[in-house]
Amino acid sequence: MKLSVIYDSKTGNTKRAAEWIVEGMNEIEGTVARAFSVEDFDPDFIKESSGVVIGCPSYAALMTPNMRSWLFSEAGKLGMAGKLGGAFATEQYSHGGGELIIQSILTNEMVFGMLCYSGGGSCGAPVIHLGPVGINDNVEKYNGMDNYRDNFRVYGRRFASKAKELFG
């Protein structure tokens, strides 16, 4: 089963988060997961994927212009309908809009006909309701993406497990 993670990254933090999600996904037997930038992606792999997770940094509490453009110009060509969809975000500081980004991505996925994943509280700790958010250390020196690595990996495992349950 193939799974794709598609991201836009400005400082490298969102790319790291995407790679951590892929690490978690690939821990589930039978899964082949890959991460792609919106600027360099493999349309055939994405079309063959049972699930797609999309993420980007918060940009003034909105998804980045690159991600918005990619969603409108490319996602519709990739056969998203019926796939399991997920979302994640990164932000510069606490309360930087990550949840808004995730909700916006999930809304777009629903418009494309995707099935949106949320393990919510049903999976236990760590509780990841809509998708993981990481805060980089560019502004808040006590924070840092490395503090969120496990959440992204756990999310990847959970997403892949659900995709395997649904699609074999």
N, C-alpha and C. Protein backbone atom coordinates (compact mmCIF):
# COMPACT_ATOMS: atom_id res chain seq x y z
N MET A 1 0.84 -1.17 0.00
CA MET A 1 0.00 0.00 0.00
C MET A 1 0.89 1.24 0.00
N LYS A 2 0.59 2.16 -0.91
CA LYS A 2 1.36 3.40 -1.01
C LYS A 2 0.63 4.52 -0.27
N LEU A 3 1.42 5.38 0.38
CA LEU A 3 0.91 6.57 1.05
C LEU A 3 1.82 7.74 0.69
N SER A 4 1.22 8.90 0.52
CA SER A 4 1.98 10.10 0.16
C SER A 4 1.80 11.18 1.21
N VAL A 5 2.86 11.92 1.44
CA VAL A 5 2.82 13.11 2.29
C VAL A 5 3.29 14.27 1.41
N ILE A 6 2.46 15.28 1.27
CA ILE A 6 2.76 16.41 0.41
C ILE A 6 2.86 17.65 1.29
N TYR A 7 3.91 18.43 1.09
CA TYR A 7 4.15 19.57 1.97
C TYR A 7 4.70 20.77 1.22
N ASP A 8 4.55 21.92 1.83
CA ASP A 8 5.26 23.13 1.44
C ASP A 8 6.10 23.50 2.66
N SER A 9 7.34 23.89 2.43
CA SER A 9 8.22 24.22 3.55
C SER A 9 9.05 25.44 3.19
N LYS A 10 9.13 26.37 4.12
CA LYS A 10 9.90 27.59 3.89
C LYS A 10 11.25 27.55 4.58
N THR A 11 11.30 27.00 5.79
CA THR A 11 12.54 27.00 6.58
C THR A 11 13.09 25.59 6.81
N GLY A 12 12.39 24.57 6.30
CA GLY A 12 12.81 23.19 6.49
C GLY A 12 12.07 22.47 7.60
N ASN A 13 11.35 23.20 8.45
CA ASN A 13 10.64 22.56 9.55
C ASN A 13 9.49 21.68 9.08
N THR A 14 8.73 22.14 8.12
CA THR A 14 7.60 21.35 7.62
C THR A 14 8.11 20.14 6.85
N LYS A 15 9.21 20.28 6.16
CA LYS A 15 9.82 19.13 5.49
C LYS A 15 10.21 18.07 6.52
N ARG A 16 10.82 18.50 7.62
CA ARG A 16 11.20 17.54 8.67
C ARG A 16 9.97 16.84 9.21
N ALA A 17 8.89 17.61 9.45
CA ALA A 17 7.66 17.00 9.96
C ALA A 17 7.12 15.97 8.98
N ALA A 18 7.15 16.29 7.69
CA ALA A 18 6.68 15.34 6.66
C ALA A 18 7.52 14.06 6.69
N GLU A 19 8.82 14.21 6.82
CA GLU A 19 9.71 13.04 6.88
C GLU A 19 9.44 12.20 8.11
N TRP A 20 9.13 12.83 9.24
CA TRP A 20 8.80 12.08 10.45
C TRP A 20 7.49 11.31 10.27
N ILE A 21 6.51 11.92 9.62
CA ILE A 21 5.25 11.21 9.36
C ILE A 21 5.52 9.99 8.49
N VAL A 22 6.34 10.15 7.45
CA VAL A 22 6.70 9.04 6.58
C VAL A 22 7.41 7.94 7.36
N GLU A 23 8.31 8.30 8.27
CA GLU A 23 8.97 7.29 9.12
C GLU A 23 7.94 6.46 9.86
N GLY A 24 6.96 7.13 10.48
CA GLY A 24 5.92 6.42 11.20
C GLY A 24 5.09 5.54 10.29
N MET A 25 4.73 6.04 9.13
CA MET A 25 3.94 5.26 8.17
C MET A 25 4.68 3.99 7.76
N ASN A 26 5.97 4.14 7.48
CA ASN A 26 6.74 3.00 7.00
C ASN A 26 6.99 1.95 8.07
N GLU A 27 6.64 2.23 9.31
CA GLU A 27 6.73 1.22 10.37
C GLU A 27 5.59 0.20 10.28
N ILE A 28 4.55 0.52 9.53
CA ILE A 28 3.42 -0.40 9.37
C ILE A 28 3.72 -1.33 8.20
N GLU A 29 3.69 -2.62 8.48
CA GLU A 29 4.04 -3.63 7.48
C GLU A 29 3.21 -3.46 6.21
N GLY A 30 3.89 -3.55 5.07
CA GLY A 30 3.23 -3.45 3.78
C GLY A 30 3.05 -2.03 3.27
N THR A 31 3.55 -1.06 4.02
CA THR A 31 3.39 0.35 3.63
C THR A 31 4.66 0.86 2.96
N VAL A 32 4.48 1.57 1.86
CA VAL A 32 5.55 2.29 1.21
C VAL A 32 5.10 3.75 1.16
N ALA A 33 5.71 4.58 1.98
CA ALA A 33 5.33 5.99 2.07
C ALA A 33 6.48 6.86 1.60
N ARG A 34 6.10 7.96 0.95
CA ARG A 34 7.09 8.93 0.47
C ARG A 34 6.57 10.34 0.71
N ALA A 35 7.50 11.26 0.93
CA ALA A 35 7.17 12.68 1.10
C ALA A 35 7.56 13.44 -0.16
N PHE A 36 6.71 14.40 -0.52
CA PHE A 36 6.94 15.21 -1.71
C PHE A 36 6.70 16.68 -1.41
N SER A 37 7.55 17.52 -1.93
CA SER A 37 7.33 18.96 -1.88
C SER A 37 6.31 19.32 -2.96
N VAL A 38 5.54 20.38 -2.74
CA VAL A 38 4.60 20.84 -3.77
C VAL A 38 5.35 21.25 -5.03
N GLU A 39 6.63 21.51 -4.91
CA GLU A 39 7.43 21.93 -6.05
C GLU A 39 8.07 20.77 -6.79
N ASP A 40 8.07 19.58 -6.18
CA ASP A 40 8.73 18.42 -6.78
C ASP A 40 8.01 17.15 -6.29
N PHE A 41 6.98 16.74 -6.99
CA PHE A 41 6.19 15.59 -6.56
C PHE A 41 6.04 14.59 -7.71
N ASP A 42 5.71 13.36 -7.36
CA ASP A 42 5.55 12.28 -8.32
C ASP A 42 4.06 12.01 -8.49
N PRO A 43 3.45 12.54 -9.55
CA PRO A 43 2.00 12.37 -9.72
C PRO A 43 1.56 10.92 -9.79
N ASP A 44 2.37 10.05 -10.40
CA ASP A 44 1.99 8.64 -10.51
C ASP A 44 1.95 7.98 -9.14
N PHE A 45 2.94 8.26 -8.29
CA PHE A 45 2.96 7.68 -6.95
C PHE A 45 1.74 8.16 -6.16
N ILE A 46 1.44 9.44 -6.27
CA ILE A 46 0.31 10.00 -5.53
C ILE A 46 -1.00 9.38 -6.02
N LYS A 47 -1.16 9.24 -7.33
CA LYS A 47 -2.37 8.61 -7.88
C LYS A 47 -2.54 7.19 -7.38
N GLU A 48 -1.43 6.47 -7.19
CA GLU A 48 -1.48 5.08 -6.73
C GLU A 48 -1.60 4.96 -5.21
N SER A 49 -1.51 6.07 -4.50
CA SER A 49 -1.56 6.05 -3.04
C SER A 49 -2.99 5.89 -2.54
N SER A 50 -3.13 5.13 -1.47
CA SER A 50 -4.43 4.96 -0.81
C SER A 50 -4.74 6.12 0.11
N GLY A 51 -3.71 6.82 0.56
CA GLY A 51 -3.89 7.94 1.47
C GLY A 51 -2.89 9.04 1.18
N VAL A 52 -3.31 10.28 1.46
CA VAL A 52 -2.46 11.44 1.24
C VAL A 52 -2.60 12.36 2.45
N VAL A 53 -1.47 12.71 3.04
CA VAL A 53 -1.43 13.68 4.13
C VAL A 53 -0.80 14.95 3.58
N ILE A 54 -1.42 16.08 3.84
CA ILE A 54 -0.98 17.36 3.30
C ILE A 54 -0.64 18.30 4.47
N GLY A 55 0.48 19.03 4.35
CA GLY A 55 0.85 19.94 5.42
C GLY A 55 1.64 21.13 4.93
N CYS A 56 1.57 22.19 5.72
CA CYS A 56 2.34 23.39 5.40
C CYS A 56 2.49 24.24 6.66
N PRO A 57 3.38 25.22 6.60
CA PRO A 57 3.49 26.14 7.73
C PRO A 57 2.35 27.14 7.74
N SER A 58 2.13 27.71 8.90
CA SER A 58 1.16 28.78 9.03
C SER A 58 1.77 30.04 8.43
N TYR A 59 1.03 30.69 7.60
CA TYR A 59 1.47 31.92 6.95
C TYR A 59 0.40 32.96 7.23
N ALA A 60 0.63 33.79 8.25
CA ALA A 60 -0.37 34.76 8.69
C ALA A 60 -1.69 34.05 9.03
N ALA A 61 -1.58 32.92 9.71
CA ALA A 61 -2.71 32.08 10.14
C ALA A 61 -3.50 31.51 8.97
N LEU A 62 -2.86 31.41 7.81
CA LEU A 62 -3.45 30.79 6.63
C LEU A 62 -2.46 29.79 6.06
N MET A 63 -2.94 28.89 5.17
CA MET A 63 -1.98 28.03 4.49
C MET A 63 -1.14 28.89 3.55
N THR A 64 0.04 28.41 3.21
CA THR A 64 0.92 29.20 2.37
C THR A 64 0.32 29.38 0.97
N PRO A 65 0.67 30.47 0.30
CA PRO A 65 0.20 30.66 -1.08
C PRO A 65 0.60 29.49 -1.99
N ASN A 66 1.80 28.93 -1.78
CA ASN A 66 2.24 27.78 -2.59
C ASN A 66 1.32 26.58 -2.40
N MET A 67 0.93 26.31 -1.16
CA MET A 67 0.06 25.16 -0.91
C MET A 67 -1.32 25.42 -1.49
N ARG A 68 -1.84 26.59 -1.29
CA ARG A 68 -3.17 26.92 -1.84
C ARG A 68 -3.16 26.78 -3.36
N SER A 69 -2.12 27.30 -3.99
CA SER A 69 -1.98 27.20 -5.44
C SER A 69 -1.89 25.74 -5.87
N TRP A 70 -1.10 24.93 -5.15
CA TRP A 70 -0.94 23.52 -5.49
C TRP A 70 -2.28 22.79 -5.37
N LEU A 71 -3.01 23.05 -4.29
CA LEU A 71 -4.30 22.39 -4.11
C LEU A 71 -5.24 22.68 -5.28
N PHE A 72 -5.26 23.91 -5.74
CA PHE A 72 -6.18 24.28 -6.81
C PHE A 72 -5.69 23.91 -8.20
N SER A 73 -4.39 23.84 -8.40
CA SER A 73 -3.89 23.54 -9.74
C SER A 73 -3.55 22.07 -9.94
N GLU A 74 -3.16 21.35 -8.88
CA GLU A 74 -2.66 19.99 -9.05
C GLU A 74 -3.51 18.91 -8.40
N ALA A 75 -4.02 19.16 -7.22
CA ALA A 75 -4.68 18.09 -6.46
C ALA A 75 -5.85 17.48 -7.22
N GLY A 76 -6.59 18.31 -7.94
CA GLY A 76 -7.74 17.79 -8.69
C GLY A 76 -7.36 16.82 -9.79
N LYS A 77 -6.12 16.84 -10.24
CA LYS A 77 -5.64 15.95 -11.30
C LYS A 77 -5.14 14.61 -10.77
N LEU A 78 -5.09 14.45 -9.45
CA LEU A 78 -4.41 13.31 -8.85
C LEU A 78 -5.34 12.23 -8.31
N GLY A 79 -6.61 12.29 -8.65
CA GLY A 79 -7.53 11.24 -8.25
C GLY A 79 -7.68 11.13 -6.74
N MET A 80 -7.90 12.23 -6.08
CA MET A 80 -7.97 12.25 -4.61
C MET A 80 -9.25 11.61 -4.06
N ALA A 81 -10.33 11.63 -4.81
CA ALA A 81 -11.61 11.12 -4.31
C ALA A 81 -11.47 9.67 -3.83
N GLY A 82 -11.98 9.41 -2.65
CA GLY A 82 -11.95 8.07 -2.08
C GLY A 82 -10.70 7.74 -1.30
N LYS A 83 -9.67 8.56 -1.40
CA LYS A 83 -8.44 8.32 -0.64
C LYS A 83 -8.64 8.78 0.80
N LEU A 84 -7.86 8.21 1.72
CA LEU A 84 -7.82 8.70 3.09
C LEU A 84 -6.98 9.96 3.10
N GLY A 85 -7.49 11.01 3.72
CA GLY A 85 -6.77 12.28 3.77
C GLY A 85 -6.43 12.68 5.19
N GLY A 86 -5.32 13.34 5.33
CA GLY A 86 -4.89 13.85 6.63
C GLY A 86 -4.19 15.18 6.46
N ALA A 87 -3.91 15.83 7.58
CA ALA A 87 -3.29 17.15 7.53
C ALA A 87 -2.39 17.37 8.74
N PHE A 88 -1.41 18.25 8.55
CA PHE A 88 -0.51 18.66 9.63
C PHE A 88 -0.04 20.07 9.35
N ALA A 89 0.55 20.70 10.36
CA ALA A 89 1.02 22.07 10.20
C ALA A 89 2.22 22.32 11.09
N THR A 90 2.95 23.36 10.73
CA THR A 90 4.00 23.89 11.59
C THR A 90 3.73 25.39 11.74
N GLU A 91 4.31 25.95 12.81
CA GLU A 91 4.10 27.37 13.06
C GLU A 91 5.31 27.95 13.76
N GLN A 92 5.44 29.26 13.69
CA GLN A 92 6.58 29.96 14.26
C GLN A 92 6.53 30.05 15.79
N TYR A 93 5.32 30.10 16.34
CA TYR A 93 5.18 30.28 17.78
C TYR A 93 3.84 29.72 18.24
N SER A 94 3.72 29.48 19.54
CA SER A 94 2.48 28.97 20.10
C SER A 94 1.32 29.85 19.67
N HIS A 95 0.23 29.24 19.35
CA HIS A 95 -0.98 29.94 18.91
C HIS A 95 -0.75 30.66 17.59
N GLY A 96 0.07 30.07 16.73
CA GLY A 96 0.39 30.66 15.44
C GLY A 96 -0.54 30.30 14.32
N GLY A 97 -1.61 29.57 14.60
CA GLY A 97 -2.59 29.27 13.57
C GLY A 97 -2.54 27.88 12.99
N GLY A 98 -1.74 26.98 13.57
CA GLY A 98 -1.61 25.63 13.04
C GLY A 98 -2.93 24.89 12.89
N GLU A 99 -3.81 25.02 13.89
CA GLU A 99 -5.10 24.33 13.83
C GLU A 99 -5.95 24.87 12.68
N LEU A 100 -5.85 26.17 12.42
CA LEU A 100 -6.59 26.76 11.30
C LEU A 100 -6.11 26.19 9.97
N ILE A 101 -4.82 25.99 9.85
CA ILE A 101 -4.25 25.43 8.62
C ILE A 101 -4.77 24.01 8.42
N ILE A 102 -4.74 23.21 9.48
CA ILE A 102 -5.20 21.83 9.39
C ILE A 102 -6.67 21.79 8.99
N GLN A 103 -7.50 22.61 9.62
CA GLN A 103 -8.92 22.63 9.28
C GLN A 103 -9.13 23.03 7.83
N SER A 104 -8.37 23.99 7.35
CA SER A 104 -8.49 24.43 5.96
C SER A 104 -8.09 23.31 4.99
N ILE A 105 -7.01 22.62 5.30
CA ILE A 105 -6.57 21.51 4.44
C ILE A 105 -7.63 20.40 4.45
N LEU A 106 -8.13 20.04 5.63
CA LEU A 106 -9.15 19.00 5.71
C LEU A 106 -10.41 19.39 4.94
N THR A 107 -10.78 20.65 5.00
CA THR A 107 -11.95 21.11 4.24
C THR A 107 -11.71 20.93 2.74
N ASN A 108 -10.53 21.29 2.27
CA ASN A 108 -10.19 21.08 0.86
C ASN A 108 -10.22 19.60 0.51
N GLU A 109 -9.71 18.75 1.39
CA GLU A 109 -9.73 17.31 1.13
C GLU A 109 -11.16 16.79 1.02
N MET A 110 -12.05 17.27 1.86
CA MET A 110 -13.45 16.84 1.77
C MET A 110 -14.06 17.29 0.45
N VAL A 111 -13.74 18.49 0.01
CA VAL A 111 -14.24 18.98 -1.28
C VAL A 111 -13.76 18.08 -2.42
N PHE A 112 -12.55 17.54 -2.29
CA PHE A 112 -12.02 16.62 -3.31
C PHE A 112 -12.61 15.22 -3.19
N GLY A 113 -13.45 14.98 -2.18
CA GLY A 113 -14.08 13.67 -2.00
C GLY A 113 -13.25 12.69 -1.19
N MET A 114 -12.30 13.21 -0.43
CA MET A 114 -11.46 12.34 0.39
C MET A 114 -12.15 12.00 1.71
N LEU A 115 -11.72 10.91 2.31
CA LEU A 115 -12.16 10.50 3.64
C LEU A 115 -11.15 11.07 4.61
N CYS A 116 -11.56 11.92 5.52
CA CYS A 116 -10.60 12.60 6.40
C CYS A 116 -10.37 11.82 7.68
N TYR A 117 -9.09 11.66 8.01
CA TYR A 117 -8.68 10.88 9.17
C TYR A 117 -8.52 11.75 10.42
N SER A 118 -9.03 11.23 11.52
CA SER A 118 -8.73 11.78 12.83
C SER A 118 -8.83 10.65 13.83
N GLY A 119 -7.74 10.34 14.47
CA GLY A 119 -7.79 9.33 15.53
C GLY A 119 -8.42 9.91 16.79
N GLY A 120 -8.37 11.25 16.89
CA GLY A 120 -8.95 11.92 18.05
C GLY A 120 -8.45 11.31 19.34
N GLY A 121 -9.32 11.24 20.31
CA GLY A 121 -8.97 10.67 21.60
C GLY A 121 -9.06 9.16 21.62
N SER A 122 -9.60 8.55 20.55
CA SER A 122 -9.81 7.11 20.55
C SER A 122 -8.51 6.31 20.56
N CYS A 123 -7.41 6.92 20.16
CA CYS A 123 -6.13 6.22 20.11
C CYS A 123 -5.31 6.39 21.38
N GLY A 124 -5.81 7.16 22.32
CA GLY A 124 -5.06 7.39 23.56
C GLY A 124 -3.99 8.44 23.38
N ALA A 125 -3.10 8.49 24.35
CA ALA A 125 -2.03 9.49 24.34
C ALA A 125 -0.95 9.12 23.33
N PRO A 126 -0.39 10.06 22.65
CA PRO A 126 -0.79 11.46 22.65
C PRO A 126 -2.07 11.65 21.84
N VAL A 127 -2.95 12.48 22.35
CA VAL A 127 -4.20 12.77 21.65
C VAL A 127 -3.89 13.75 20.52
N ILE A 128 -4.21 13.35 19.30
CA ILE A 128 -3.99 14.19 18.12
C ILE A 128 -5.35 14.27 17.42
N HIS A 129 -6.10 15.32 17.73
CA HIS A 129 -7.47 15.41 17.24
C HIS A 129 -7.55 15.53 15.72
N LEU A 130 -7.05 16.58 15.14
CA LEU A 130 -7.19 16.82 13.71
C LEU A 130 -5.91 16.53 12.93
N GLY A 131 -4.79 16.71 13.56
CA GLY A 131 -3.49 16.49 12.95
C GLY A 131 -2.44 17.13 13.82
N PRO A 132 -1.20 16.68 13.69
CA PRO A 132 -0.15 17.23 14.55
C PRO A 132 0.31 18.62 14.12
N VAL A 133 0.71 19.40 15.11
CA VAL A 133 1.27 20.73 14.88
C VAL A 133 2.62 20.79 15.58
N GLY A 134 3.61 21.31 14.88
CA GLY A 134 4.93 21.50 15.47
C GLY A 134 5.28 22.97 15.51
N ILE A 135 5.97 23.37 16.57
CA ILE A 135 6.38 24.77 16.73
C ILE A 135 7.90 24.81 16.64
N ASN A 136 8.41 25.61 15.70
CA ASN A 136 9.86 25.66 15.56
C ASN A 136 10.47 26.61 16.58
N ASP A 137 11.78 26.63 16.62
CA ASP A 137 12.46 27.44 17.63
C ASP A 137 12.98 28.77 17.07
N ASN A 138 12.41 29.23 15.96
CA ASN A 138 12.85 30.51 15.40
C ASN A 138 12.52 31.68 16.30
N VAL A 139 11.38 31.61 17.00
CA VAL A 139 10.93 32.71 17.86
C VAL A 139 10.98 32.28 19.32
N GLU A 140 10.39 31.14 19.64
CA GLU A 140 10.34 30.65 21.01
C GLU A 140 11.51 29.69 21.23
N LYS A 141 12.57 30.18 21.81
CA LYS A 141 13.79 29.38 21.95
C LYS A 141 13.60 28.14 22.82
N TYR A 142 12.61 28.14 23.71
CA TYR A 142 12.34 26.98 24.55
C TYR A 142 11.57 25.91 23.79
N ASN A 143 11.04 26.26 22.64
CA ASN A 143 10.31 25.31 21.82
C ASN A 143 11.27 24.71 20.82
N GLY A 144 10.79 24.03 19.86
CA GLY A 144 11.64 23.47 18.82
C GLY A 144 11.00 22.24 18.21
N MET A 145 11.19 22.06 16.92
CA MET A 145 10.57 20.96 16.20
C MET A 145 10.91 19.60 16.80
N ASP A 146 12.12 19.44 17.30
CA ASP A 146 12.49 18.14 17.85
C ASP A 146 11.58 17.71 19.00
N ASN A 147 10.97 18.66 19.69
CA ASN A 147 10.04 18.33 20.76
C ASN A 147 8.76 17.67 20.25
N TYR A 148 8.49 17.78 18.95
CA TYR A 148 7.24 17.29 18.37
C TYR A 148 7.44 16.07 17.48
N ARG A 149 8.67 15.61 17.35
CA ARG A 149 9.00 14.48 16.46
C ARG A 149 8.13 13.27 16.74
N ASP A 150 8.01 12.89 18.00
CA ASP A 150 7.24 11.69 18.33
C ASP A 150 5.78 11.81 17.94
N ASN A 151 5.19 13.00 18.09
CA ASN A 151 3.79 13.19 17.70
C ASN A 151 3.61 12.97 16.20
N PHE A 152 4.53 13.49 15.40
CA PHE A 152 4.43 13.30 13.95
C PHE A 152 4.61 11.83 13.58
N ARG A 153 5.53 11.15 14.22
CA ARG A 153 5.73 9.72 13.92
C ARG A 153 4.52 8.90 14.35
N VAL A 154 3.97 9.17 15.52
CA VAL A 154 2.78 8.47 15.99
C VAL A 154 1.62 8.70 15.02
N TYR A 155 1.45 9.95 14.60
CA TYR A 155 0.39 10.26 13.63
C TYR A 155 0.58 9.44 12.35
N GLY A 156 1.80 9.36 11.87
CA GLY A 156 2.08 8.57 10.66
C GLY A 156 1.72 7.11 10.84
N ARG A 157 2.07 6.52 11.98
CA ARG A 157 1.72 5.11 12.25
C ARG A 157 0.21 4.93 12.29
N ARG A 158 -0.46 5.82 13.00
CA ARG A 158 -1.91 5.71 13.13
C ARG A 158 -2.60 5.88 11.78
N PHE A 159 -2.15 6.85 11.00
CA PHE A 159 -2.74 7.08 9.69
C PHE A 159 -2.56 5.84 8.81
N ALA A 160 -1.35 5.30 8.78
CA ALA A 160 -1.07 4.12 7.96
C ALA A 160 -1.88 2.91 8.44
N SER A 161 -2.03 2.76 9.74
CA SER A 161 -2.83 1.65 10.27
C SER A 161 -4.28 1.76 9.81
N LYS A 162 -4.83 2.97 9.84
CA LYS A 162 -6.21 3.17 9.39
C LYS A 162 -6.33 2.94 7.88
N ALA A 163 -5.36 3.41 7.12
CA ALA A 163 -5.37 3.19 5.68
C ALA A 163 -5.30 1.69 5.37
N LYS A 164 -4.49 0.97 6.11
CA LYS A 164 -4.38 -0.47 5.90
C LYS A 164 -5.70 -1.16 6.25
N GLU A 165 -6.33 -0.73 7.33
CA GLU A 165 -7.63 -1.28 7.72
C GLU A 165 -8.67 -1.04 6.63
N LEU A 166 -8.67 0.15 6.05
CA LEU A 166 -9.67 0.50 5.04
C LEU A 166 -9.38 -0.07 3.66
N PHE A 167 -8.11 -0.09 3.28
CA PHE A 167 -7.75 -0.42 1.89
C PHE A 167 -6.90 -1.68 1.75
N GLY A 168 -6.52 -2.28 2.88
CA GLY A 168 -5.72 -3.50 2.81
C GLY A 168 -4.31 -3.23 2.49
